[in-house]
N, C-alpha and C. Protein backbone atom coordinates (compact mmCIF):
# COMPACT_ATOMS: atom_id res chain seq x y z
N MET A 1 0.96 -1.31 -0.27
CA MET A 1 -0.20 -0.29 -0.02
C MET A 1 0.85 1.46 0.16
N THR A 2 0.73 2.29 -0.99
CA THR A 2 1.48 3.11 -0.98
C THR A 2 0.61 4.66 -0.41
N LYS A 3 1.64 5.58 0.08
CA LYS A 3 0.75 6.71 1.00
C LYS A 3 0.60 7.58 -0.20
N LYS A 4 -0.77 8.22 0.28
CA LYS A 4 -1.36 9.25 -0.58
C LYS A 4 -0.04 10.41 -0.42
N ARG A 5 -0.21 11.24 -1.55
CA ARG A 5 0.39 12.45 -1.44
C ARG A 5 -0.66 13.63 -0.84
N LEU A 6 -0.05 14.73 -0.22
CA LEU A 6 -0.96 14.98 0.64
C LEU A 6 -1.10 16.26 -0.46
N ALA A 7 -2.27 17.34 -0.15
CA ALA A 7 -2.79 17.81 -0.81
C ALA A 7 -2.06 19.52 -0.05
N GLU A 8 -1.88 19.29 -1.20
CA GLU A 8 -0.45 20.82 -1.42
C GLU A 8 -1.46 22.59 -0.57
N THR A 9 -2.82 22.85 -0.66
CA THR A 9 -3.38 23.43 -0.64
C THR A 9 -4.85 23.20 0.06
N THR A 10 -5.57 24.15 0.77
CA THR A 10 -6.86 23.97 1.47
C THR A 10 -7.84 23.29 0.22
N ASP A 11 -7.69 23.84 -0.82
CA ASP A 11 -8.85 23.95 -1.92
C ASP A 11 -8.09 22.82 -3.16
N GLU A 12 -7.12 21.87 -2.95
CA GLU A 12 -6.63 20.97 -3.58
C GLU A 12 -7.72 19.40 -2.52
N PHE A 13 -6.82 20.31 -0.95
CA PHE A 13 -7.72 19.06 0.00
C PHE A 13 -8.84 18.85 -0.34
N ASP A 14 -9.49 19.88 -0.07
CA ASP A 14 -11.52 20.09 -0.23
C ASP A 14 -12.08 19.23 -1.78
N LYS A 15 -11.27 20.11 -2.33
CA LYS A 15 -11.63 18.99 -3.72
C LYS A 15 -11.84 17.35 -4.14
N ARG A 16 -10.63 17.20 -2.82
CA ARG A 16 -9.91 15.71 -2.64
C ARG A 16 -11.80 14.97 -1.63
N PHE A 17 -11.67 15.48 -1.50
CA PHE A 17 -12.98 15.17 -0.32
C PHE A 17 -13.99 15.48 -1.09
N ASP A 18 -14.64 16.49 -1.46
CA ASP A 18 -15.66 16.54 -2.16
C ASP A 18 -15.75 15.56 -3.81
N ALA A 19 -14.41 15.09 -4.17
CA ALA A 19 -14.50 13.42 -4.49
C ALA A 19 -14.82 13.30 -4.76
N GLY A 20 -14.94 12.45 -2.80
CA GLY A 20 -14.92 11.39 -2.81
C GLY A 20 -13.90 10.85 -2.24
N GLU A 21 -12.24 11.26 -2.14
CA GLU A 21 -11.42 10.84 -2.15
C GLU A 21 -11.50 10.40 -0.19
N ASP A 22 -10.37 8.80 -0.07
CA ASP A 22 -10.73 8.27 1.46
C ASP A 22 -9.65 9.69 2.17
N ILE A 23 -9.52 10.27 2.90
CA ILE A 23 -8.34 11.32 3.28
C ILE A 23 -8.32 10.75 4.61
N ALA A 24 -8.96 9.57 5.35
CA ALA A 24 -8.58 9.55 6.13
C ALA A 24 -6.78 8.94 7.01
N ASP A 25 -5.81 8.87 5.49
CA ASP A 25 -4.69 8.33 6.04
C ASP A 25 -4.06 9.95 5.94
N ILE A 26 -4.40 9.95 5.37
CA ILE A 26 -3.67 11.89 5.47
C ILE A 26 -3.96 13.61 5.81
N ILE A 27 -4.78 13.24 6.62
CA ILE A 27 -4.89 13.85 7.95
C ILE A 27 -4.33 13.38 9.12
N ASP A 28 -4.27 14.40 10.11
CA ASP A 28 -3.39 13.91 11.51
C ASP A 28 -4.38 14.32 13.11
N LEU A 29 -4.73 13.91 12.99
CA LEU A 29 -6.11 13.85 14.55
C LEU A 29 -4.98 14.27 15.39
N SER A 30 -3.86 13.62 15.81
CA SER A 30 -3.80 13.55 17.19
C SER A 30 -3.79 14.81 17.97
N LYS A 31 -3.57 15.92 17.19
CA LYS A 31 -3.78 17.00 17.56
C LYS A 31 -5.64 17.90 17.88
N ALA A 32 -5.87 16.75 17.00
CA ALA A 32 -7.65 17.03 16.78
C ALA A 32 -8.54 17.76 17.97
N LYS A 33 -9.44 18.38 18.58
CA LYS A 33 -10.19 18.74 19.30
C LYS A 33 -11.33 18.93 19.65
N ILE A 34 -12.12 18.39 20.10
CA ILE A 34 -13.64 18.76 20.10
C ILE A 34 -13.81 20.25 20.82
N THR A 35 -15.02 20.13 20.06
CA THR A 35 -15.06 21.90 20.72
C THR A 35 -16.78 21.82 21.22
N ARG A 36 -17.35 22.82 22.08
CA ARG A 36 -18.53 22.04 22.25
C ARG A 36 -18.87 23.44 22.24
N SER A 37 -19.38 24.75 21.60
CA SER A 37 -19.17 25.87 21.47
C SER A 37 -20.63 26.21 21.45
N ASN A 38 -21.71 25.46 21.90
CA ASN A 38 -23.11 25.85 21.31
C ASN A 38 -23.37 25.18 22.32
N ARG A 39 -23.01 24.59 23.53
CA ARG A 39 -23.32 23.98 24.48
C ARG A 39 -24.27 24.69 25.58
N LYS A 40 -26.09 24.13 25.67
CA LYS A 40 -27.03 24.71 26.29
C LYS A 40 -26.54 24.92 27.91
N ILE A 41 -27.16 26.17 28.10
CA ILE A 41 -26.77 26.32 29.95
C ILE A 41 -28.81 26.83 29.85
N ARG A 42 -28.83 26.41 31.13
CA ARG A 42 -30.29 26.57 32.13
C ARG A 42 -30.88 27.67 32.74
N ILE A 43 -31.71 29.27 32.06
CA ILE A 43 -31.73 30.15 33.21
C ILE A 43 -32.70 30.29 33.41
N THR A 44 -32.83 30.82 35.01
CA THR A 44 -34.61 30.62 34.94
C THR A 44 -34.80 31.91 35.48
N LEU A 45 -36.19 33.12 34.46
CA LEU A 45 -35.91 34.35 35.11
C LEU A 45 -37.27 34.32 35.67
N ASP A 46 -37.37 35.65 36.49
CA ASP A 46 -38.98 35.47 37.16
C ASP A 46 -39.33 36.73 36.48
N ILE A 47 -40.21 37.11 35.94
CA ILE A 47 -40.85 37.58 34.40
C ILE A 47 -42.16 37.73 35.50
N ALA A 48 -42.98 39.70 34.83
CA ALA A 48 -43.82 39.71 35.80
C ALA A 48 -45.09 38.84 34.96
N GLU A 49 -46.18 38.79 35.57
CA GLU A 49 -47.42 37.88 34.57
C GLU A 49 -48.10 38.47 33.45
N SER A 50 -48.10 40.43 33.91
CA SER A 50 -48.65 40.61 32.78
C SER A 50 -47.49 40.35 31.30
N LEU A 51 -45.96 40.65 31.72
CA LEU A 51 -45.70 40.25 30.64
C LEU A 51 -45.87 39.31 30.33
N VAL A 52 -46.08 37.79 30.61
CA VAL A 52 -45.83 36.88 30.17
C VAL A 52 -46.94 36.66 29.56
N LYS A 53 -48.55 37.21 30.06
CA LYS A 53 -48.76 37.18 28.96
C LYS A 53 -49.79 38.30 28.09
N ASP A 54 -48.59 39.03 27.86
CA ASP A 54 -48.08 39.56 26.37
C ASP A 54 -47.03 38.99 25.55
N ILE A 55 -46.45 37.84 26.00
CA ILE A 55 -45.54 37.54 25.55
C ILE A 55 -46.56 36.31 25.12
N ASP A 56 -47.14 35.62 25.28
CA ASP A 56 -47.90 34.39 25.13
C ASP A 56 -49.09 34.93 23.76
N ALA A 57 -49.59 35.55 23.96
CA ALA A 57 -50.93 36.53 22.46
C ALA A 57 -49.62 36.53 21.53
N ILE A 58 -48.55 37.30 21.69
CA ILE A 58 -47.53 37.60 20.54
C ILE A 58 -47.61 35.96 20.23
N ARG A 59 -46.76 35.22 20.45
CA ARG A 59 -46.40 33.32 20.16
C ARG A 59 -47.59 32.93 19.69
N GLU A 60 -48.48 33.19 20.18
CA GLU A 60 -49.89 32.46 19.87
C GLU A 60 -50.84 32.81 18.70
N LYS A 61 -50.60 34.22 18.20
CA LYS A 61 -50.28 34.81 17.56
C LYS A 61 -49.28 34.58 16.13
N ILE A 62 -48.51 33.90 16.35
CA ILE A 62 -47.05 33.66 15.39
C ILE A 62 -46.91 32.52 15.54
N GLY A 63 -47.61 31.25 16.21
CA GLY A 63 -47.79 29.95 16.18
C GLY A 63 -46.69 29.57 16.61
N VAL A 64 -45.26 30.09 18.37
CA VAL A 64 -44.23 29.65 18.33
C VAL A 64 -44.49 28.93 19.51
N ASP A 65 -43.56 28.88 19.86
CA ASP A 65 -43.67 28.36 22.00
C ASP A 65 -42.88 29.81 22.19
N ARG A 66 -42.86 29.70 23.76
CA ARG A 66 -42.75 30.79 24.40
C ARG A 66 -41.11 30.37 24.67
N GLY A 67 -40.68 29.76 24.62
CA GLY A 67 -39.10 29.63 25.09
C GLY A 67 -38.66 30.40 23.61
N ALA A 68 -38.77 29.79 22.64
CA ALA A 68 -38.72 30.07 21.22
C ALA A 68 -38.27 31.12 20.51
N LEU A 69 -39.87 32.02 20.94
CA LEU A 69 -39.56 33.18 21.14
C LEU A 69 -38.97 34.42 21.75
N ILE A 70 -38.93 33.97 23.07
CA ILE A 70 -37.95 34.75 23.54
C ILE A 70 -36.84 34.38 23.35
N LYS A 71 -36.28 33.11 23.28
CA LYS A 71 -35.28 33.20 22.21
C LYS A 71 -34.59 33.47 21.00
N VAL A 72 -35.58 33.99 20.73
CA VAL A 72 -35.10 34.81 18.72
C VAL A 72 -35.27 36.08 19.23
N TRP A 73 -35.58 36.66 20.51
CA TRP A 73 -35.27 37.96 20.76
C TRP A 73 -34.62 38.08 21.55
N LEU A 74 -33.71 37.19 22.33
CA LEU A 74 -32.38 37.67 22.99
C LEU A 74 -31.23 37.53 21.85
N HIS A 75 -31.43 36.72 20.99
CA HIS A 75 -30.40 36.69 20.03
C HIS A 75 -30.43 37.92 19.03
N GLU A 76 -31.74 38.33 18.79
CA GLU A 76 -31.62 39.69 17.83
C GLU A 76 -31.15 40.82 18.82
N LYS A 77 -31.30 40.83 20.05
CA LYS A 77 -30.77 42.17 21.05
C LYS A 77 -29.42 41.29 21.22
N VAL A 78 -28.93 40.84 21.40
CA VAL A 78 -27.43 40.53 21.20
C VAL A 78 -26.36 40.61 20.48
N ILE A 79 -26.99 40.31 19.43
CA ILE A 79 -26.76 40.46 17.45
C ILE A 79 -26.54 42.47 17.61
N LYS A 80 -27.78 43.23 17.83
CA LYS A 80 -27.78 44.56 18.11
C LYS A 80 -26.92 45.28 18.67
N GLU A 81 -27.12 44.99 19.80
CA GLU A 81 -25.61 45.22 20.76
C GLU A 81 -24.44 45.68 20.08
N LYS A 82 -23.96 43.79 19.71
CA LYS A 82 -22.67 43.59 19.60
C LYS A 82 -22.46 44.37 18.38
N LEU A 83 -23.63 44.86 17.19
CA LEU A 83 -23.20 45.91 16.30
C LEU A 83 -22.55 47.27 16.64
N SER A 84 -23.62 47.66 16.76
CA SER A 84 -23.55 49.40 17.90
C SER A 84 -22.26 49.43 19.16
N SER A 85 -21.59 48.17 19.64
CA SER A 85 -20.47 48.55 20.32
C SER A 85 -19.10 48.78 19.36
N ASN A 86 -19.78 47.23 18.02
CA ASN A 86 -18.30 48.04 17.38
C ASN A 86 -18.46 49.55 16.92
N GLY A 87 -19.08 49.76 16.37
CA GLY A 87 -19.31 50.91 15.74
C GLY A 87 -18.62 51.91 15.24
């Protein structure tokens, strides 16, 4: 069994991978790390009942889960704040 020629560029590597070439013997996994950047963390919030009712009215109108709606709103706000602080 002959050793495969290593890819000289990332483009060549991508093309060989996309073409279905077995790349297992041309990559070095000894330094590979598993990252879990999107690990979920549970938080608890105390929110006024009237605000929860308002949120529920909106979520029922658009047909989504309360938690999903709050996550989307939080995500949008964080993105907006990041963009404005990088100004």
